[in-house]
Amino acid sequence: MLHKIGIDLGGTKTEIIVLDETLNVLERKRVPTPKDNYEKIIQNIVNLVNDVSQNISDFSVGVCCPGAISKNTGLIKNSNTQCLIGKSLKKDLENKLKKNISIENDANCFALSESKMGAGIGFDFVFGVILGTGVGGGIVIHNSLHCGRTNIAGEWGHHTLHQNGNFCYCGKSGCAETYLSGPSLEKRWNQLTGLTQSMPEIINNLDSEIGKSWKNEFLENFGYGIANVIDILDPDAIIIGGGLSNIDFLYDEGKNSIYSKVFSDIVETPILKNKLGDSSGVFGAALLD
């Protein structure tokens, strides 16, 4: 029997899970991620895999990691766990474990897990959206990830929403991420109100005229951003994850904003909330081929 081991490498915690062939959870544990030490991160993962695999003989290993993997070099880039940047995580883990592993970024793992085990069950073509500290996405077609020629498929957070708009860390201006991520929305709230508040605090304070203005701007940008995805890909379903997926108005007012901007006389794309929550990364990693 082939078991599936998944590892979700987060900035503060590393989680491992073992699934059987029918995707039942056999074992699961979380431990702190070593801070700013690449070698210790590698050893931490190796120790976890060795621990949970003691009683199984045939297993695959998948890793969900922060950041993107360069198609040309195999090295990690754009990671908020900075000690990973420029490192060959896949190769180094394979050398330690003496086993082939699969590795993908968190947005792809989110899309894969939701399509196979979550809100996307029954849909052939799923676009997974991450709205959180950053903005990302993943594409799953017939239960398989579509990563694209250079491994950037789904990166809708860096399409231009407003020409000559907000500056983005990627070096461009006007990226969707600079309008729809949690930090960018909090920054905009501060610009309008002078208050430094978290997203949950802001969402509970939208009755004022300034609050309504902030919300309408958010919905307008959200609508254009997702409508652009639908115009290009026309997926069977869009599933929203990340911290902002808990904002209820994205699924009614947000959906209406999207639908009003799609280039079609018929718009029926489901806009769905994820079902796996912060487990999407570890389940997605286990499901990697």
Protein backbone atom coordinates (compact mmCIF):
# COMPACT_ATOMS: atom_id res chain seq x y z
CA MET A 1 0.00 0.00 0.00
CA LEU A 2 1.35 3.41 -1.01
CA HIS A 3 1.07 5.96 1.77
CA LYS A 4 1.26 9.68 1.14
CA ILE A 5 3.37 11.91 3.39
CA GLY A 6 2.82 15.66 3.17
CA ILE A 7 4.85 18.42 4.81
CA ASP A 8 3.70 22.02 5.13
CA LEU A 9 6.74 24.19 5.76
CA GLY A 10 5.50 27.40 7.32
CA GLY A 11 7.30 30.38 8.75
CA THR A 12 6.48 29.44 12.34
CA LYS A 13 5.36 25.80 12.21
CA THR A 14 6.09 22.69 10.18
CA GLU A 15 3.28 20.18 9.87
CA ILE A 16 3.44 16.60 8.63
CA ILE A 17 0.61 14.25 7.71
CA VAL A 18 0.34 10.62 6.61
CA LEU A 19 -2.55 9.53 4.38
CA ASP A 20 -3.48 6.05 3.24
CA GLU A 21 -4.55 5.20 -0.31
CA THR A 22 -8.12 6.35 0.37
CA LEU A 23 -6.86 9.64 1.88
CA ASN A 24 -7.65 8.78 5.47
CA VAL A 25 -5.42 10.55 8.00
CA LEU A 26 -3.19 8.02 9.79
CA GLU A 27 -0.87 10.41 11.61
CA ARG A 28 -0.43 14.13 11.97
CA LYS A 29 1.83 16.41 13.98
CA ARG A 30 3.09 19.97 14.14
CA VAL A 31 6.41 21.28 15.43
CA PRO A 32 8.00 24.76 15.43
CA THR A 33 9.98 25.72 12.33
CA PRO A 34 13.62 26.53 13.18
CA LYS A 35 14.07 30.26 12.76
CA ASP A 36 16.43 31.64 10.09
CA ASN A 37 18.50 28.45 9.83
CA TYR A 38 18.29 26.51 6.58
CA GLU A 39 20.28 23.49 7.76
CA LYS A 40 18.08 23.10 10.84
CA ILE A 41 14.94 23.40 8.71
CA ILE A 42 16.19 20.57 6.49
CA GLN A 43 17.03 18.38 9.49
CA ASN A 44 13.69 19.15 11.10
CA ILE A 45 11.84 17.86 8.03
CA VAL A 46 14.07 14.79 7.77
CA ASN A 47 13.45 13.95 11.42
CA LEU A 48 9.68 14.25 10.95
CA VAL A 49 9.65 12.01 7.86
CA ASN A 50 11.84 9.39 9.55
CA ASP A 51 9.59 9.46 12.60
CA VAL A 52 6.25 8.95 10.82
CA SER A 53 7.59 6.43 8.28
CA GLN A 54 8.96 3.91 10.77
CA ASN A 55 6.02 1.54 10.29
CA ILE A 56 5.37 2.05 6.57
CA SER A 57 7.48 0.73 3.73
CA ASP A 58 6.09 2.36 0.59
CA PHE A 59 5.38 6.08 0.65
CA SER A 60 5.62 9.29 -1.37
CA VAL A 61 6.75 12.62 0.05
CA GLY A 62 5.45 16.05 -0.94
CA VAL A 63 6.42 19.44 0.45
CA CYS A 64 4.44 22.67 0.49
CA CYS A 65 6.84 25.57 0.83
CA PRO A 66 6.60 29.36 0.92
CA GLY A 67 7.88 31.01 -2.23
CA ALA A 68 8.23 29.96 -5.84
CA ILE A 69 10.51 27.34 -7.36
CA SER A 70 12.51 28.48 -10.38
CA LYS A 71 11.86 26.24 -13.37
CA ASN A 72 15.42 26.84 -14.65
CA THR A 73 17.46 26.43 -11.47
CA GLY A 74 15.19 24.57 -9.05
CA LEU A 75 16.08 27.16 -6.41
CA ILE A 76 13.58 28.86 -4.09
CA LYS A 77 12.74 32.51 -4.77
CA ASN A 78 10.28 35.09 -3.43
CA SER A 79 9.98 33.35 -0.07
CA ASN A 80 9.00 35.11 3.15
CA THR A 81 11.19 32.53 4.91
CA GLN A 82 14.28 34.31 3.69
CA CYS A 83 16.83 31.64 4.56
CA LEU A 84 15.20 29.45 1.85
CA ILE A 85 15.91 31.94 -0.94
CA GLY A 86 18.50 30.65 -3.38
CA LYS A 87 18.49 27.18 -1.83
CA SER A 88 17.78 23.85 -3.57
CA LEU A 89 15.26 22.57 -1.05
CA LYS A 90 14.14 19.66 -3.22
CA LYS A 91 17.65 18.40 -3.99
CA ASP A 92 18.87 18.83 -0.43
CA LEU A 93 15.90 16.92 1.03
CA GLU A 94 16.30 14.16 -1.56
CA ASN A 95 19.96 13.76 -0.64
CA LYS A 96 19.08 13.45 3.04
CA LEU A 97 16.04 11.18 2.62
CA LYS A 98 17.48 9.11 -0.27
CA LYS A 99 14.09 9.44 -1.94
CA ASN A 100 12.46 11.48 -4.70
CA ILE A 101 10.17 14.19 -3.39
CA SER A 102 7.68 16.61 -4.95
CA ILE A 103 7.61 20.27 -3.99
CA GLU A 104 5.20 23.10 -4.76
CA ASN A 105 4.34 26.52 -3.39
CA ASP A 106 1.51 27.06 -0.94
CA ALA A 107 -0.98 28.42 -3.49
CA ASN A 108 -0.62 25.35 -5.73
CA CYS A 109 -0.98 23.02 -2.75
CA PHE A 110 -4.08 24.93 -1.67
CA ALA A 111 -5.67 24.60 -5.10
CA LEU A 112 -4.83 20.90 -5.34
CA SER A 113 -6.16 19.97 -1.92
CA GLU A 114 -9.39 21.94 -2.33
CA SER A 115 -10.02 20.42 -5.77
CA LYS A 116 -9.57 16.85 -4.55
CA MET A 117 -10.74 16.99 -0.93
CA GLY A 118 -12.47 20.32 -0.37
CA ALA A 119 -14.83 22.81 -1.97
CA GLY A 120 -13.72 21.89 -5.49
CA ILE A 121 -14.88 18.27 -5.46
CA GLY A 122 -16.93 17.63 -8.59
CA PHE A 123 -15.42 20.43 -10.66
CA ASP A 124 -13.05 19.65 -13.53
CA PHE A 125 -11.32 23.04 -13.65
CA VAL A 126 -10.61 24.86 -10.39
CA PHE A 127 -8.86 28.17 -9.80
CA GLY A 128 -7.67 28.49 -6.21
CA VAL A 129 -7.25 32.03 -4.88
CA ILE A 130 -5.09 32.99 -1.90
CA LEU A 131 -6.01 36.29 -0.24
CA GLY A 132 -3.84 36.85 2.80
CA THR A 133 -0.48 38.42 3.56
CA GLY A 134 0.08 38.03 -0.17
CA VAL A 135 -2.13 37.30 -3.18
CA GLY A 136 -1.58 34.11 -5.16
CA GLY A 137 -3.35 31.34 -6.98
CA GLY A 138 -3.19 27.86 -8.43
CA ILE A 139 -4.80 26.05 -11.34
CA VAL A 140 -6.06 22.46 -11.23
CA ILE A 141 -7.44 20.78 -14.35
CA HIS A 142 -8.84 17.23 -14.13
CA ASN A 143 -7.30 16.84 -10.65
CA SER A 144 -3.80 17.76 -11.88
CA LEU A 145 -1.85 20.95 -11.26
CA HIS A 146 -1.24 23.18 -14.25
CA CYS A 147 2.01 25.01 -13.50
CA GLY A 148 2.73 26.50 -16.93
CA ARG A 149 5.86 26.64 -19.04
CA THR A 150 7.87 28.62 -16.48
CA ASN A 151 6.07 27.52 -13.31
CA ILE A 152 4.14 30.78 -12.77
CA ALA A 153 0.62 29.74 -13.82
CA GLY A 154 -1.96 31.11 -11.44
CA GLU A 155 0.08 34.09 -10.22
CA TRP A 156 -2.83 36.51 -10.69
CA GLY A 157 -1.59 38.63 -7.77
CA HIS A 158 0.99 40.14 -10.10
CA HIS A 159 -1.20 41.04 -13.03
CA THR A 160 -1.62 44.80 -13.38
CA LEU A 161 -4.85 46.02 -11.86
CA HIS A 162 -4.09 49.74 -12.12
CA GLN A 163 -1.51 51.08 -14.54
CA ASN A 164 0.98 53.32 -12.72
CA GLY A 165 -0.66 52.27 -9.44
CA ASN A 166 0.77 51.17 -6.09
CA PHE A 167 4.41 50.06 -6.11
CA CYS A 168 4.90 46.31 -5.62
CA TYR A 169 7.90 44.51 -4.12
CA CYS A 170 8.23 42.63 -7.44
CA GLY A 171 9.38 45.88 -9.04
CA LYS A 172 6.21 46.64 -10.99
CA SER A 173 3.41 49.04 -10.17
CA GLY A 174 -0.32 48.41 -9.91
CA CYS A 175 -0.21 44.66 -9.10
CA ALA A 176 -3.40 43.14 -7.71
CA GLU A 177 -1.47 42.18 -4.56
CA THR A 178 -0.92 45.84 -3.73
CA TYR A 179 -4.70 46.36 -3.54
CA LEU A 180 -6.08 43.03 -2.31
CA SER A 181 -3.63 41.63 0.26
CA GLY A 182 -4.31 42.07 3.95
CA PRO A 183 -1.39 44.48 4.51
CA SER A 184 -2.34 46.61 1.49
CA LEU A 185 -5.97 46.88 2.66
CA GLU A 186 -4.84 47.80 6.17
CA LYS A 187 -2.53 50.43 4.68
CA ARG A 188 -5.39 51.89 2.64
CA TRP A 189 -7.56 52.02 5.77
CA ASN A 190 -4.80 53.93 7.56
CA GLN A 191 -4.58 56.39 4.65
CA LEU A 192 -8.33 57.05 4.82
CA THR A 193 -8.83 57.11 8.59
CA GLY A 194 -5.42 57.63 10.21
CA LEU A 195 -6.07 54.48 12.25
CA THR A 196 -3.77 51.45 12.44
CA GLN A 197 -6.11 48.48 12.70
CA SER A 198 -6.14 44.80 11.75
CA MET A 199 -8.44 43.40 9.08
CA PRO A 200 -10.92 41.90 11.61
CA GLU A 201 -11.14 45.29 13.35
CA ILE A 202 -11.68 47.06 10.02
CA ILE A 203 -14.39 44.63 8.88
CA ASN A 204 -16.32 45.34 12.10
CA ASN A 205 -16.11 49.09 11.53
CA LEU A 206 -17.57 49.73 8.09
CA ASP A 207 -20.77 51.64 8.89
CA SER A 208 -19.23 55.09 8.54
CA GLU A 209 -18.97 56.92 5.22
CA ILE A 210 -15.21 56.29 5.19
CA GLY A 211 -15.84 52.61 5.98
CA LYS A 212 -18.30 52.33 3.09
CA SER A 213 -15.82 54.02 0.77
CA TRP A 214 -13.04 51.59 1.80
CA LYS A 215 -15.34 48.61 1.31
CA ASN A 216 -16.58 49.78 -2.10
CA GLU A 217 -12.99 50.29 -3.27
CA PHE A 218 -12.06 46.81 -2.01
CA LEU A 219 -15.06 45.24 -3.78
CA GLU A 220 -14.30 47.10 -7.01
CA ASN A 221 -10.69 45.89 -7.07
CA PHE A 222 -11.71 42.38 -6.04
CA GLY A 223 -14.32 42.31 -8.80
CA TYR A 224 -11.93 43.41 -11.53
CA GLY A 225 -9.16 41.09 -10.31
CA ILE A 226 -11.28 37.93 -10.32
CA ALA A 227 -13.24 38.93 -13.43
CA ASN A 228 -9.94 39.15 -15.33
CA VAL A 229 -9.20 35.56 -14.25
CA ILE A 230 -12.61 34.36 -15.42
CA ASP A 231 -12.27 36.19 -18.76
CA ILE A 232 -8.97 34.46 -19.45
CA LEU A 233 -9.49 30.99 -17.95
CA ASP A 234 -13.26 30.52 -17.52
CA PRO A 235 -12.83 27.94 -14.71
CA ASP A 236 -15.64 25.74 -13.39
CA ALA A 237 -15.19 27.16 -9.88
CA ILE A 238 -13.12 29.69 -7.95
CA ILE A 239 -12.21 28.81 -4.38
CA ILE A 240 -10.97 31.47 -1.98
CA GLY A 241 -8.45 30.75 0.76
CA GLY A 242 -6.14 32.71 3.03
CA GLY A 243 -7.06 34.93 5.96
CA LEU A 244 -9.36 37.17 3.94
CA SER A 245 -11.48 34.18 2.86
CA ASN A 246 -13.35 34.63 6.15
CA ILE A 247 -14.86 37.94 4.97
CA ASP A 248 -18.50 37.05 4.37
CA PHE A 249 -19.34 39.85 1.94
CA LEU A 250 -16.90 38.47 -0.65
CA TYR A 251 -19.40 35.69 -1.42
CA ASP A 252 -22.42 37.91 -2.14
CA GLU A 253 -21.44 41.53 -2.76
CA GLY A 254 -18.02 40.37 -3.95
CA LYS A 255 -19.55 37.85 -6.31
CA ASN A 256 -21.88 40.50 -7.70
CA SER A 257 -18.92 42.81 -8.29
CA ILE A 258 -17.13 40.04 -10.20
CA TYR A 259 -20.16 39.09 -12.27
CA SER A 260 -20.78 42.70 -13.31
CA LYS A 261 -17.31 42.88 -14.86
CA VAL A 262 -17.04 39.53 -16.68
CA PHE A 263 -17.12 39.64 -20.48
CA SER A 264 -20.13 37.39 -20.94
CA ASP A 265 -23.92 37.59 -21.01
CA ILE A 266 -23.99 34.45 -18.83
CA VAL A 267 -21.96 34.41 -15.65
CA GLU A 268 -22.43 31.52 -13.24
CA THR A 269 -18.94 30.72 -11.94
CA PRO A 270 -19.27 29.60 -8.29
CA ILE A 271 -17.24 31.74 -5.87
CA LEU A 272 -16.65 29.35 -2.99
CA LYS A 273 -15.08 29.50 0.44
CA ASN A 274 -12.44 26.86 1.12
CA LYS A 275 -13.28 23.84 3.29
CA LEU A 276 -9.84 22.78 4.52
CA GLY A 277 -8.69 26.04 6.10
CA ASP A 278 -5.06 26.05 7.21
CA SER A 279 -4.87 22.32 6.52
CA SER A 280 -4.89 22.94 2.77
CA GLY A 281 -1.08 23.14 2.56
CA VAL A 282 -0.30 19.84 4.26
CA PHE A 283 -3.06 17.93 2.43
CA GLY A 284 -1.99 19.48 -0.89
CA ALA A 285 1.61 18.47 -0.27
CA ALA A 286 0.55 14.86 0.38
CA LEU A 287 -1.42 14.84 -2.88
CA LEU A 288 1.50 15.96 -5.05
CA ASP A 289 2.51 13.41 -7.69
